[in-house]
Amino acid sequence: MSENLSAKVPVNKILYIVLAFFMGYLGIHKFIIGKVTVGIIYIVIGLFTFFVIVSILVLIDIIKVATLPADTSGNVMVKTSGFFEK
């Protein structure tokens, strides 16, 4: 079974950024795009580093998604493989 490593999923840009900003330390923004493992990693890293490293990772996520162009519905195509979007 071969998987498409460059698979992308549409997600509302505003929703993603708001969730990342307010709930990013729990990896919620990763769970909504299907990256369950990465979401769990965000939680574990956050617990062991008092959310300092996760805050930096969330800031990177927000910047990367904020720079993506949205379609007419306000959705952006977010990559479902790899650690970071884009």
Protein backbone atom coordinates (compact mmCIF):
# COMPACT_ATOMS: atom_id res chain seq x y z
CA MET A 1 0.00 0.00 0.00
CA SER A 2 1.61 3.24 -1.10
CA GLU A 3 0.67 6.50 0.52
CA ASN A 4 0.79 9.90 -1.10
CA LEU A 5 3.51 11.64 0.93
CA SER A 6 2.45 15.07 -0.30
CA ALA A 7 -1.23 14.66 0.62
CA LYS A 8 -2.97 17.87 1.61
CA VAL A 9 -6.21 18.53 3.42
CA PRO A 10 -8.31 21.71 3.28
CA VAL A 11 -8.73 23.52 6.59
CA ASN A 12 -10.24 26.89 7.42
CA LYS A 13 -7.36 29.32 7.77
CA ILE A 14 -8.91 31.44 10.54
CA LEU A 15 -10.03 28.39 12.55
CA TYR A 16 -6.58 26.83 12.31
CA ILE A 17 -4.80 30.00 13.42
CA VAL A 18 -7.22 30.66 16.31
CA LEU A 19 -6.95 27.06 17.54
CA ALA A 20 -3.17 27.16 17.23
CA PHE A 21 -2.99 30.43 19.15
CA PHE A 22 -5.28 29.46 22.03
CA MET A 23 -4.93 25.66 22.16
CA GLY A 24 -1.65 25.07 20.33
CA TYR A 25 0.14 23.89 23.44
CA LEU A 26 -2.24 20.89 23.40
CA GLY A 27 -1.69 20.26 19.69
CA ILE A 28 -5.38 20.77 18.88
CA HIS A 29 -4.53 22.41 15.54
CA LYS A 30 -2.65 19.23 14.59
CA PHE A 31 -5.53 16.95 15.57
CA ILE A 32 -8.01 18.76 13.28
CA ILE A 33 -5.83 18.06 10.22
CA GLY A 34 -5.35 14.42 11.12
CA LYS A 35 -1.84 14.58 12.58
CA VAL A 36 -2.71 12.74 15.78
CA THR A 37 0.84 11.56 16.45
CA VAL A 38 2.24 15.09 16.10
CA GLY A 39 -0.52 16.41 18.36
CA ILE A 40 0.44 13.91 21.04
CA ILE A 41 4.11 14.88 20.61
CA TYR A 42 3.15 18.53 21.20
CA ILE A 43 1.45 17.55 24.47
CA VAL A 44 4.39 15.43 25.67
CA ILE A 45 7.02 18.02 24.72
CA GLY A 46 4.92 20.69 26.38
CA LEU A 47 4.68 18.79 29.64
CA PHE A 48 8.44 18.25 29.84
CA THR A 49 9.51 21.76 28.80
CA PHE A 50 6.77 23.81 30.48
CA PHE A 51 5.40 24.60 27.02
CA VAL A 52 8.41 26.76 26.04
CA ILE A 53 9.43 24.65 23.03
CA VAL A 54 5.81 24.04 22.02
CA SER A 55 5.18 27.80 22.06
CA ILE A 56 7.98 28.24 19.53
CA LEU A 57 6.63 25.40 17.38
CA VAL A 58 3.10 26.86 17.49
CA LEU A 59 4.43 30.27 16.45
CA ILE A 60 6.14 28.62 13.47
CA ASP A 61 2.89 26.81 12.58
CA ILE A 62 0.89 30.04 12.76
CA ILE A 63 3.34 31.93 10.55
CA LYS A 64 3.48 29.15 7.97
CA VAL A 65 -0.30 28.83 7.68
CA ALA A 66 -0.85 32.60 7.78
CA THR A 67 1.38 32.97 4.71
CA LEU A 68 -0.54 30.37 2.69
CA PRO A 69 -3.07 31.74 0.20
CA ALA A 70 -6.71 30.98 1.04
CA ASP A 71 -9.35 30.00 -1.51
CA THR A 72 -12.72 31.75 -1.83
CA SER A 73 -14.08 29.71 1.11
CA GLY A 74 -11.22 30.79 3.38
CA ASN A 75 -9.59 27.36 3.31
CA VAL A 76 -5.92 26.61 2.89
CA MET A 77 -4.39 23.31 1.80
CA VAL A 78 -2.30 21.95 4.67
CA LYS A 79 0.14 19.11 4.22
CA THR A 80 -0.71 15.98 6.21
CA SER A 81 2.80 14.53 6.09
CA GLY A 82 5.89 15.86 7.78
CA PHE A 83 6.15 17.81 11.01
CA PHE A 84 5.45 21.32 9.78
CA GLU A 85 2.97 22.57 7.19
CA LYS A 86 3.65 24.11 3.81
